[in-house]
N, C-alpha and C. Protein backbone atom coordinates (compact mmCIF):
# COMPACT_ATOMS: atom_id res chain seq x y z
N MET A 1 123.31 112.45 107.75
CA MET A 1 123.34 111.33 106.68
C MET A 1 122.03 110.81 106.32
N CYS A 2 121.47 110.92 105.02
CA CYS A 2 120.20 110.20 104.72
C CYS A 2 120.23 108.75 104.84
N ILE A 3 119.11 108.37 105.72
CA ILE A 3 119.16 106.77 105.70
C ILE A 3 118.38 106.23 104.51
N LEU A 4 119.00 105.27 103.90
CA LEU A 4 118.19 104.68 102.71
C LEU A 4 118.04 103.09 102.97
N ASP A 5 119.04 102.55 103.93
CA ASP A 5 119.11 101.24 104.01
C ASP A 5 118.35 100.85 105.30
N ASP A 6 117.91 99.46 105.18
CA ASP A 6 117.07 98.87 106.24
C ASP A 6 115.79 99.66 106.62
N LEU A 7 115.11 100.28 105.88
CA LEU A 7 113.76 101.27 106.11
C LEU A 7 113.02 100.30 106.65
N GLU A 8 112.04 100.94 107.47
CA GLU A 8 111.03 100.23 108.03
C GLU A 8 109.55 100.61 107.53
N GLY A 9 108.67 99.90 107.58
CA GLY A 9 107.14 99.87 107.03
C GLY A 9 106.58 100.92 107.80
N ILE A 10 106.94 102.17 108.21
CA ILE A 10 106.34 103.00 109.07
C ILE A 10 106.57 104.62 108.16
N GLY A 11 106.04 105.58 108.62
CA GLY A 11 106.03 106.84 108.09
C GLY A 11 105.61 107.91 108.85
N ARG A 12 105.43 109.09 108.18
CA ARG A 12 105.01 110.28 108.79
C ARG A 12 104.18 111.20 107.83
N GLU A 13 103.56 112.19 108.46
CA GLU A 13 102.62 112.96 107.42
C GLU A 13 103.52 114.24 106.85
N GLN A 14 103.04 114.89 105.90
CA GLN A 14 103.56 115.87 105.38
C GLN A 14 102.32 117.06 104.60
N PHE A 15 102.19 117.91 105.33
CA PHE A 15 101.01 118.88 105.19
C PHE A 15 101.22 119.73 103.92
N PHE A 16 100.28 120.01 103.05
CA PHE A 16 100.36 120.83 101.91
C PHE A 16 98.95 121.64 101.91
N TYR A 17 98.88 122.67 101.16
CA TYR A 17 97.73 123.63 101.03
C TYR A 17 97.11 123.20 99.73
N HIS A 18 95.74 122.65 100.08
CA HIS A 18 95.16 122.37 98.64
C HIS A 18 94.45 123.58 98.04
N TYR A 19 94.54 123.41 96.74
CA TYR A 19 93.91 124.37 95.67
C TYR A 19 92.48 124.39 95.71
N SER A 20 91.84 125.34 96.03
CA SER A 20 90.37 125.36 96.49
C SER A 20 89.44 124.97 95.14
N ARG A 21 89.91 125.45 93.97
CA ARG A 21 89.39 125.48 92.74
C ARG A 21 89.30 124.12 92.07
N SER A 22 89.87 123.18 92.69
CA SER A 22 90.00 121.83 92.18
C SER A 22 89.37 120.88 93.16
N LYS A 23 88.85 119.84 92.51
CA LYS A 23 88.29 118.71 93.10
C LYS A 23 89.40 117.65 93.53
N LEU A 24 90.40 117.80 92.83
CA LEU A 24 91.70 116.83 92.95
C LEU A 24 92.55 117.30 94.03
N PRO A 25 93.29 116.64 94.66
CA PRO A 25 94.12 117.04 95.73
C PRO A 25 95.45 117.60 95.06
N ILE A 26 95.44 118.79 94.61
CA ILE A 26 96.65 119.37 94.09
C ILE A 26 97.09 120.49 95.06
N ARG A 27 98.25 120.83 94.92
CA ARG A 27 98.82 121.87 95.88
C ARG A 27 98.12 123.38 95.36
N LYS A 28 98.23 124.28 96.21
CA LYS A 28 97.70 125.64 96.02
C LYS A 28 98.82 126.11 95.02
N ILE A 29 98.29 126.37 93.74
CA ILE A 29 99.37 126.74 92.49
C ILE A 29 99.30 128.12 92.37
N ALA A 30 98.28 128.96 92.92
CA ALA A 30 98.12 130.39 92.43
C ALA A 30 97.75 131.19 93.63
N ALA A 31 98.01 132.30 93.65
CA ALA A 31 97.61 133.08 94.66
C ALA A 31 98.06 134.77 94.37
N ARG A 32 97.16 135.64 95.02
CA ARG A 32 97.73 136.97 94.61
C ARG A 32 98.96 137.30 95.13
N LYS A 33 99.39 136.79 96.29
CA LYS A 33 100.55 136.79 96.91
C LYS A 33 101.20 135.58 96.91
N ALA A 34 102.60 135.61 95.91
CA ALA A 34 103.01 134.55 95.57
C ALA A 34 103.54 133.56 96.57
N LYS A 35 103.71 134.06 97.91
CA LYS A 35 104.26 133.42 99.13
C LYS A 35 103.32 132.45 99.54
N ASN A 36 101.94 132.51 99.43
CA ASN A 36 100.92 131.90 99.65
C ASN A 36 100.83 130.72 99.02
N ALA A 37 101.23 130.66 97.83
CA ALA A 37 101.23 129.49 96.90
C ALA A 37 102.56 128.62 96.99
N LYS A 38 102.45 127.40 96.61
CA LYS A 38 103.35 126.44 96.62
C LYS A 38 103.89 125.86 95.55
N THR A 39 105.16 125.24 95.35
CA THR A 39 105.39 124.23 94.51
C THR A 39 105.69 122.97 94.97
N GLU A 40 105.39 122.77 96.44
CA GLU A 40 105.68 121.38 97.01
C GLU A 40 104.37 120.97 97.43
N PRO A 41 104.06 119.59 97.37
CA PRO A 41 105.13 118.71 97.08
C PRO A 41 105.35 118.73 95.64
N HIS A 42 106.52 118.32 95.04
CA HIS A 42 106.55 118.35 93.68
C HIS A 42 106.53 117.17 93.07
N ILE A 43 105.15 116.97 92.91
CA ILE A 43 104.94 115.47 92.32
C ILE A 43 105.34 115.27 91.14
N GLU A 44 105.70 116.33 90.14
CA GLU A 44 106.02 116.15 88.82
C GLU A 44 107.24 115.09 88.56
N ILE A 45 108.08 115.45 89.70
CA ILE A 45 109.31 114.44 89.71
C ILE A 45 109.32 113.52 90.94
N GLY A 46 108.25 113.46 91.55
CA GLY A 46 108.13 112.60 92.85
C GLY A 46 109.00 113.10 93.97
N ALA A 47 109.01 114.23 94.27
CA ALA A 47 109.81 115.17 95.44
C ALA A 47 109.12 115.95 96.46
N GLU A 48 109.79 116.14 97.48
CA GLU A 48 109.25 117.27 98.44
C GLU A 48 110.32 117.88 98.94
N ASN A 49 110.19 119.41 99.07
CA ASN A 49 111.18 120.25 99.42
C ASN A 49 112.19 120.29 98.44
N TYR A 50 111.71 120.23 97.25
CA TYR A 50 112.79 120.42 95.95
C TYR A 50 113.11 121.77 95.56
N LEU A 51 112.22 122.28 95.12
CA LEU A 51 112.20 123.78 94.84
C LEU A 51 111.93 124.62 95.92
N ARG A 52 111.22 124.34 96.88
CA ARG A 52 111.00 125.29 97.92
C ARG A 52 110.89 124.77 99.13
N ALA A 53 111.26 125.12 100.36
CA ALA A 53 111.10 124.65 101.55
C ALA A 53 109.86 124.56 102.05
N CYS A 54 109.42 123.51 102.60
CA CYS A 54 107.80 123.41 103.01
C CYS A 54 107.80 122.51 104.26
N ILE A 55 107.87 122.84 105.41
CA ILE A 55 108.03 122.08 106.64
C ILE A 55 109.31 121.56 106.62
N PRO A 56 110.44 122.09 106.39
CA PRO A 56 111.68 121.44 106.21
C PRO A 56 112.29 120.83 107.37
N ARG A 57 111.90 121.00 108.64
CA ARG A 57 112.34 120.21 109.58
C ARG A 57 111.87 118.97 109.67
N ASN A 58 110.61 118.78 109.08
CA ASN A 58 109.97 117.54 109.13
C ASN A 58 110.43 116.74 108.11
N VAL A 59 110.63 117.19 106.98
CA VAL A 59 111.36 116.53 105.89
C VAL A 59 112.62 116.05 106.07
N ARG A 60 113.48 116.95 106.89
CA ARG A 60 114.90 116.44 107.13
C ARG A 60 114.93 115.25 108.20
N GLY A 61 113.95 115.36 109.22
CA GLY A 61 113.62 114.28 110.06
C GLY A 61 113.25 113.01 109.63
N PHE A 62 112.43 113.24 108.39
CA PHE A 62 112.27 111.74 107.67
C PHE A 62 113.34 111.28 106.93
N CYS A 63 114.09 112.26 106.32
CA CYS A 63 115.27 111.89 105.51
C CYS A 63 116.58 110.98 106.47
N TYR A 64 116.54 111.43 107.81
CA TYR A 64 117.46 110.91 108.54
C TYR A 64 116.96 109.84 109.41
N SER A 65 115.73 109.47 109.01
CA SER A 65 114.86 108.32 109.96
C SER A 65 114.98 107.03 109.17
N ARG A 66 114.55 105.99 109.52
CA ARG A 66 114.36 104.74 108.92
C ARG A 66 112.89 104.69 108.35
N GLU A 67 112.11 105.71 108.58
CA GLU A 67 110.63 105.78 107.88
C GLU A 67 110.79 105.73 106.53
N LYS A 68 109.77 104.88 105.82
CA LYS A 68 109.78 104.42 104.21
C LYS A 68 108.85 105.47 103.77
N TYR A 69 107.79 105.95 104.28
CA TYR A 69 106.62 106.69 103.87
C TYR A 69 106.34 108.11 104.24
N LEU A 70 106.48 109.02 103.42
CA LEU A 70 106.11 110.29 103.53
C LEU A 70 104.65 110.36 103.13
N PHE A 71 103.70 110.39 104.04
CA PHE A 71 102.45 110.62 103.66
C PHE A 71 101.96 112.00 103.60
N LEU A 72 101.25 112.49 102.35
CA LEU A 72 101.02 113.64 101.93
C LEU A 72 99.45 113.85 102.26
N CYS A 73 99.19 114.97 103.20
CA CYS A 73 97.98 115.18 103.62
C CYS A 73 97.47 116.75 103.35
N THR A 74 96.28 117.04 103.32
CA THR A 74 95.60 118.22 103.03
C THR A 74 94.42 118.52 103.66
N SER A 75 93.92 119.69 103.76
CA SER A 75 92.77 119.90 104.26
C SER A 75 91.92 120.26 102.86
N CYS A 76 90.75 119.51 102.91
CA CYS A 76 90.17 119.94 101.34
C CYS A 76 89.43 121.11 101.61
N GLN A 77 89.60 122.00 100.50
CA GLN A 77 88.98 123.38 100.26
C GLN A 77 87.99 123.51 99.11
N SER A 78 87.65 122.41 98.53
CA SER A 78 86.99 122.36 97.42
C SER A 78 85.20 122.54 97.85
N LYS A 79 84.63 123.34 97.65
CA LYS A 79 83.20 123.63 97.81
C LYS A 79 82.40 122.91 96.99
N GLU A 80 82.93 122.38 95.92
CA GLU A 80 82.24 121.58 94.88
C GLU A 80 82.06 120.10 95.41
N LEU A 81 83.14 119.76 96.14
CA LEU A 81 82.77 118.34 96.76
C LEU A 81 81.91 118.19 98.04
N GLY A 82 82.01 119.45 98.58
CA GLY A 82 80.46 119.67 99.64
C GLY A 82 81.08 119.04 101.02
N LYS A 83 79.69 118.88 101.63
CA LYS A 83 79.91 118.23 103.07
C LYS A 83 80.38 116.79 103.05
N GLY A 84 81.32 116.63 104.07
CA GLY A 84 81.96 115.53 104.21
C GLY A 84 83.31 115.66 103.82
N TYR A 85 83.73 116.63 103.09
CA TYR A 85 84.80 116.77 102.39
C TYR A 85 85.52 118.03 102.77
N LEU A 86 84.67 119.18 102.50
CA LEU A 86 85.10 120.49 102.77
C LEU A 86 85.69 120.77 104.20
N HIS A 87 86.82 121.39 104.40
CA HIS A 87 87.68 121.60 105.49
C HIS A 87 87.92 120.39 106.41
N HIS A 88 87.77 119.13 105.78
CA HIS A 88 88.12 118.00 106.50
C HIS A 88 89.63 117.69 105.82
N ARG A 89 90.59 116.97 106.73
CA ARG A 89 91.79 116.51 106.40
C ARG A 89 91.75 115.23 106.18
N PHE A 90 92.73 115.09 105.02
CA PHE A 90 92.61 113.87 104.31
C PHE A 90 94.27 113.38 103.97
N ILE A 91 94.46 111.94 104.09
CA ILE A 91 95.68 111.56 103.47
C ILE A 91 95.19 111.35 102.04
N VAL A 92 96.13 111.70 101.09
CA VAL A 92 96.10 111.78 99.71
C VAL A 92 97.19 111.13 98.84
N GLY A 93 97.79 110.67 99.50
CA GLY A 93 99.12 109.74 98.74
C GLY A 93 100.45 109.62 99.63
N TYR A 94 101.39 109.36 99.12
CA TYR A 94 102.76 109.28 99.69
C TYR A 94 103.83 109.21 98.63
N ILE A 95 105.11 109.49 99.30
CA ILE A 95 106.23 109.58 98.58
C ILE A 95 107.04 108.30 99.38
N GLN A 96 107.52 107.51 98.66
CA GLN A 96 108.29 106.36 99.09
C GLN A 96 109.75 106.75 98.97
N LYS A 97 110.41 106.83 100.20
CA LYS A 97 111.71 107.32 100.24
C LYS A 97 112.82 106.30 99.27
N GLU A 98 113.47 106.99 98.19
CA GLU A 98 114.47 106.28 97.52
C GLU A 98 115.63 106.96 97.66
N SER A 99 115.53 108.33 97.70
CA SER A 99 117.10 109.12 97.85
C SER A 99 116.76 110.45 98.23
N CYS A 100 117.63 111.13 98.99
CA CYS A 100 117.78 112.34 99.37
C CYS A 100 118.76 113.14 99.02
N LYS A 101 118.45 114.54 99.01
CA LYS A 101 119.54 115.26 98.52
C LYS A 101 119.52 116.67 99.55
N GLY A 102 120.79 117.32 99.72
CA GLY A 102 120.89 118.39 100.59
C GLY A 102 120.69 119.62 99.45
N MET A 103 119.70 120.63 99.77
CA MET A 103 119.41 121.49 98.91
C MET A 103 119.84 122.92 99.86
N GLY A 104 120.98 123.10 100.03
CA GLY A 104 121.22 124.34 101.21
C GLY A 104 120.73 124.42 102.43
N ASN A 105 119.42 125.10 102.38
CA ASN A 105 118.99 125.26 103.78
C ASN A 105 117.77 124.19 104.02
N ARG A 106 117.89 123.04 103.49
CA ARG A 106 116.92 122.03 103.58
C ARG A 106 117.24 120.87 102.72
N CYS A 107 116.56 119.64 103.11
CA CYS A 107 116.65 118.36 102.48
C CYS A 107 115.60 117.99 101.72
N ALA A 108 115.87 117.65 100.40
CA ALA A 108 114.84 117.26 99.48
C ALA A 108 114.78 115.63 99.46
N VAL A 109 113.68 115.22 99.38
CA VAL A 109 113.45 113.68 99.43
C VAL A 109 112.63 113.23 97.96
N PHE A 110 113.15 112.26 97.51
CA PHE A 110 112.65 111.83 96.19
C PHE A 110 112.31 110.10 96.02
N GLY A 111 111.32 109.80 95.37
CA GLY A 111 111.04 108.25 95.41
C GLY A 111 109.72 108.23 94.81
N LYS A 112 109.09 106.96 94.84
CA LYS A 112 107.95 106.56 94.15
C LYS A 112 106.82 107.55 94.63
N THR A 113 105.85 107.96 93.96
CA THR A 113 104.89 108.75 94.37
C THR A 113 103.49 108.47 93.97
N TYR A 114 102.65 108.15 94.83
CA TYR A 114 101.38 107.78 94.54
C TYR A 114 100.32 108.61 95.15
N MET A 115 99.59 108.84 94.24
CA MET A 115 98.39 109.97 94.47
C MET A 115 96.95 109.41 94.57
N VAL A 116 96.13 109.80 95.26
CA VAL A 116 94.50 109.11 95.19
C VAL A 116 93.79 110.38 95.48
N PRO A 117 92.46 110.41 94.89
CA PRO A 117 91.50 111.33 95.12
C PRO A 117 90.97 111.42 96.59
N PHE A 118 90.40 112.48 97.11
CA PHE A 118 89.74 112.68 98.22
C PHE A 118 88.73 111.47 98.51
N ASP A 119 89.03 110.65 99.74
CA ASP A 119 88.15 109.55 99.89
C ASP A 119 87.90 109.62 101.45
N LYS A 120 86.50 109.55 101.72
CA LYS A 120 86.12 109.57 102.92
C LYS A 120 86.67 108.57 104.09
N LYS A 121 87.09 107.45 103.43
CA LYS A 121 87.85 106.34 104.37
C LYS A 121 89.21 106.88 104.56
N LEU A 122 89.88 107.94 103.99
CA LEU A 122 91.10 108.44 104.48
C LEU A 122 91.02 109.81 105.06
N ARG A 123 89.76 110.06 105.46
CA ARG A 123 89.56 111.15 106.34
C ARG A 123 90.05 111.20 107.67
N TYR A 124 90.70 112.07 108.24
CA TYR A 124 91.30 111.71 109.64
C TYR A 124 90.52 111.33 110.58
N GLU A 125 89.39 111.58 110.83
CA GLU A 125 88.31 111.51 111.84
C GLU A 125 87.94 109.73 111.51
N ARG A 126 87.90 109.46 110.43
CA ARG A 126 87.49 108.26 110.22
C ARG A 126 89.01 107.28 110.55
N LEU A 127 89.98 107.84 110.30
CA LEU A 127 91.19 107.02 110.55
C LEU A 127 91.77 106.91 112.13
N GLY A 128 91.05 107.86 112.79
CA GLY A 128 91.17 108.01 114.13
C GLY A 128 92.61 108.80 114.53
N PHE A 129 92.81 109.61 113.61
CA PHE A 129 94.10 110.66 113.92
C PHE A 129 93.53 111.97 114.17
N LYS A 130 94.47 112.88 114.71
CA LYS A 130 93.91 114.21 114.99
C LYS A 130 94.91 115.12 113.92
N ALA A 131 94.21 116.10 113.62
CA ALA A 131 94.85 117.05 112.77
C ALA A 131 95.68 118.04 113.47
N ILE A 132 96.94 117.58 113.79
CA ILE A 132 97.54 118.43 114.70
C ILE A 132 99.08 118.75 114.04
N ARG A 133 99.70 119.81 114.63
CA ARG A 133 101.05 120.10 114.35
C ARG A 133 101.86 119.99 115.57
N PRO A 134 103.11 119.48 115.69
CA PRO A 134 103.78 119.25 114.11
C PRO A 134 103.33 118.02 113.75
N MET A 135 103.91 117.58 112.57
CA MET A 135 103.78 116.33 111.81
C MET A 135 103.78 115.14 112.70
N GLN A 136 102.58 114.26 112.65
CA GLN A 136 102.85 113.17 113.47
C GLN A 136 103.41 111.99 112.59
N ARG A 137 103.77 110.99 113.52
CA ARG A 137 104.22 109.82 112.72
C ARG A 137 103.48 108.60 112.91
N PHE A 138 103.64 107.76 112.11
CA PHE A 138 102.47 106.43 111.95
C PHE A 138 103.31 105.32 112.31
N ASN A 139 102.97 104.27 113.01
CA ASN A 139 103.40 103.06 113.40
C ASN A 139 103.29 101.99 112.22
N ASP A 140 103.69 100.89 112.27
CA ASP A 140 103.54 99.89 111.43
C ASP A 140 102.29 99.48 111.08
N LYS A 141 101.38 99.21 112.21
CA LYS A 141 99.95 98.96 111.71
C LYS A 141 99.33 100.13 111.18
N GLN A 142 99.42 101.38 111.65
CA GLN A 142 98.75 102.50 110.96
C GLN A 142 99.18 102.53 109.46
N THR A 143 100.60 102.32 109.42
CA THR A 143 101.10 102.66 107.99
C THR A 143 100.62 101.71 106.89
N ALA A 144 100.40 100.15 107.65
CA ALA A 144 99.92 99.37 106.65
C ALA A 144 98.48 99.55 106.54
N LYS A 145 97.52 100.02 107.23
CA LYS A 145 96.34 100.39 107.03
C LYS A 145 96.25 101.34 106.07
N LEU A 146 96.92 102.56 106.18
CA LEU A 146 97.19 103.57 105.32
C LEU A 146 97.25 103.16 103.76
N LEU A 147 98.30 102.27 103.60
CA LEU A 147 98.55 101.82 102.35
C LEU A 147 97.65 100.93 101.52
N LYS A 148 96.97 100.14 102.57
CA LYS A 148 95.81 99.25 101.88
C LYS A 148 94.84 100.07 101.36
N LEU A 149 94.35 101.27 102.14
CA LEU A 149 93.35 102.03 101.63
C LEU A 149 93.78 102.96 100.34
N ILE A 150 95.09 103.30 100.43
CA ILE A 150 95.48 104.03 99.42
C ILE A 150 95.44 103.17 98.08
N HIS A 151 96.04 101.94 98.33
CA HIS A 151 96.10 101.21 97.19
C HIS A 151 95.01 100.70 96.42
N SER A 152 93.67 100.86 97.29
CA SER A 152 92.30 100.27 96.74
C SER A 152 92.22 101.50 95.61
N HIS A 153 92.62 102.41 95.40
CA HIS A 153 92.43 103.42 94.26
C HIS A 153 93.51 103.27 93.30
N ARG A 154 93.44 103.71 92.10
CA ARG A 154 94.44 103.68 91.07
C ARG A 154 95.29 104.90 91.52
N ASN A 155 96.48 104.90 90.93
CA ASN A 155 97.53 106.13 91.11
C ASN A 155 97.01 107.44 90.26
N ILE A 156 96.67 108.40 90.67
CA ILE A 156 96.23 109.52 89.87
C ILE A 156 97.04 110.64 89.67
N ARG A 157 98.54 110.42 89.93
CA ARG A 157 99.42 110.99 89.90
C ARG A 157 99.45 112.11 88.60
N GLU A 158 99.46 111.54 87.28
CA GLU A 158 99.44 111.90 86.14
C GLU A 158 98.31 112.76 85.91
N SER A 159 96.94 112.39 86.45
CA SER A 159 95.80 113.28 86.46
C SER A 159 96.00 114.63 87.33
N CYS A 160 96.54 114.64 88.34
CA CYS A 160 96.90 115.82 89.26
C CYS A 160 97.80 116.63 88.46
N ILE A 161 98.77 116.17 87.95
CA ILE A 161 99.81 117.13 87.02
C ILE A 161 98.90 117.80 85.84
N ARG A 162 98.18 117.15 85.32
CA ARG A 162 97.28 117.62 84.18
C ARG A 162 96.33 118.71 84.73
N GLU A 163 95.81 118.38 85.85
CA GLU A 163 94.85 119.46 86.55
C GLU A 163 95.69 120.57 86.98
N MET A 164 96.93 120.33 87.60
CA MET A 164 97.62 121.59 87.70
C MET A 164 98.06 122.39 86.66
N ILE A 165 98.32 121.94 85.74
CA ILE A 165 98.75 122.68 84.32
C ILE A 165 97.42 123.23 83.78
N ARG A 166 96.46 122.65 83.96
CA ARG A 166 95.23 123.23 83.48
C ARG A 166 94.64 124.53 84.29
N GLN A 167 94.60 124.33 85.67
CA GLN A 167 94.48 125.19 86.42
C GLN A 167 95.31 126.46 86.62
N GLU A 168 96.73 126.07 86.03
CA GLU A 168 97.74 127.19 86.20
C GLU A 168 97.31 128.08 84.87
N ALA A 169 96.96 127.64 83.91
CA ALA A 169 96.66 128.32 82.73
C ALA A 169 95.60 129.20 82.95
N ILE A 170 94.42 128.84 83.63
CA ILE A 170 93.29 129.59 83.90
C ILE A 170 93.84 130.73 85.00
N ALA A 171 94.52 130.48 85.82
CA ALA A 171 94.94 131.32 86.97
C ALA A 171 96.02 132.57 86.35
N THR A 172 96.53 132.12 85.29
CA THR A 172 97.66 133.04 84.63
C THR A 172 96.62 134.03 83.90
N LYS A 173 95.94 133.51 83.16
CA LYS A 173 95.01 134.28 82.23
C LYS A 173 94.04 135.36 83.12
N ASN A 174 93.91 135.02 84.45
CA ASN A 174 93.30 135.85 85.24
C ASN A 174 94.16 136.88 85.97
N GLY A 175 95.55 136.70 85.81
CA GLY A 175 96.51 137.59 85.94
C GLY A 175 97.12 137.36 87.42
N MET A 176 97.11 136.19 87.80
CA MET A 176 97.44 135.53 89.10
C MET A 176 98.86 135.01 89.02
N LYS A 177 99.46 134.91 89.96
CA LYS A 177 100.91 134.67 89.79
C LYS A 177 101.35 132.99 90.08
N ILE A 178 101.90 132.52 89.27
CA ILE A 178 102.31 130.89 89.29
C ILE A 178 103.47 130.72 89.88
N PRO A 179 103.89 130.22 90.93
CA PRO A 179 105.21 130.11 91.57
C PRO A 179 106.20 129.13 90.53
N ILE A 180 105.46 128.16 90.06
CA ILE A 180 106.45 127.30 89.28
C ILE A 180 106.93 127.81 88.05
N ASP A 181 106.36 128.99 87.36
CA ASP A 181 107.04 129.74 86.44
C ASP A 181 108.38 130.25 86.86
N GLY A 182 108.40 130.80 87.97
CA GLY A 182 109.77 131.51 88.38
C GLY A 182 110.71 130.48 89.16
N GLU A 183 110.02 129.33 89.52
CA GLU A 183 110.91 128.53 90.55
C GLU A 183 111.29 127.10 89.73
N CYS A 184 110.78 126.81 88.53
CA CYS A 184 111.30 125.59 87.75
C CYS A 184 112.63 125.80 87.11
N LEU A 185 113.52 124.68 87.51
CA LEU A 185 114.88 124.75 87.38
C LEU A 185 115.10 124.27 85.69
N GLN A 186 114.12 124.02 84.99
CA GLN A 186 114.10 123.74 83.62
C GLN A 186 115.39 122.87 83.14
N ASP A 187 116.09 123.33 82.40
CA ASP A 187 117.15 122.38 81.90
C ASP A 187 118.35 122.24 82.66
N GLU A 188 118.27 123.06 83.94
CA GLU A 188 119.39 122.71 84.93
C GLU A 188 118.67 121.56 86.11
N CYS A 189 117.59 121.10 85.91
CA CYS A 189 116.86 120.36 86.78
C CYS A 189 117.58 118.87 86.63
N MET A 190 118.10 118.30 87.70
CA MET A 190 118.84 117.08 87.69
C MET A 190 117.68 115.92 87.43
N LEU A 191 116.51 116.02 87.43
CA LEU A 191 115.62 115.10 87.14
C LEU A 191 114.66 115.39 86.08
N ARG A 192 115.25 116.53 85.08
CA ARG A 192 114.41 116.89 83.98
C ARG A 192 113.71 115.79 83.00
N ASN A 193 114.77 114.70 82.92
CA ASN A 193 114.36 113.44 82.16
C ASN A 193 113.15 112.82 82.50
N LYS A 194 112.94 112.67 83.87
CA LYS A 194 111.67 112.01 84.63
C LYS A 194 110.57 112.86 85.02
N CYS A 195 110.61 114.04 84.56
CA CYS A 195 109.59 115.08 84.96
C CYS A 195 108.26 114.86 84.10
N LEU A 196 107.25 114.65 84.99
CA LEU A 196 105.92 114.33 84.03
C LEU A 196 105.34 115.53 83.44
N ARG A 197 105.63 116.77 84.11
CA ARG A 197 105.05 117.79 83.51
C ARG A 197 105.62 118.01 82.19
N ARG A 198 106.95 117.78 81.78
CA ARG A 198 107.47 118.09 80.47
C ARG A 198 106.74 117.08 79.46
N ALA A 199 106.40 115.94 80.16
CA ALA A 199 105.75 114.97 79.17
C ALA A 199 104.37 115.35 78.90
N LEU A 200 103.57 115.92 79.70
CA LEU A 200 102.22 116.07 79.59
C LEU A 200 102.03 117.63 79.14
N GLU A 201 102.84 118.56 79.23
CA GLU A 201 102.61 119.69 78.63
C GLU A 201 102.57 120.03 77.17
């Protein structure tokens, strides 16, 4: 049973692959082999593990815990951002748990989603975190510190979605596969009325 009551100000990380052609922290949207590209985190509706399983055990554990924040993290692959960013791991936002839903072989979490640009203050080395697997949990003090640093930036979720749409168009033109094309539930999506992609396309 997903725990939604009496949530604590703690959280855990959830890793995703960054798209190297963007300076913004967007998921890997295109690949020659579709299995290497992802549709999670699905920030369009503020969800993780909605269209495809991505570290499902971690998300299930989050859903069944009293943790409030699923912190999104990635390793920056942008050569354009350069030294101090390239190949370093960053916290780039969070999903604040509001609901969960069983999706067959996985659980999906939904909630308020806040995204920020790559920031050296949110680099793992600066935070004193280690880039390890499995996904680590953060205590109340660590969570409070992360939230303070994240909220020092405006929420760029909409900018990230616009960037994904732009990069997808370029990749499609170059003959690359875009997983969202085959995985989007369109009119069958239970959150289609809240989908920012629909509003921005």
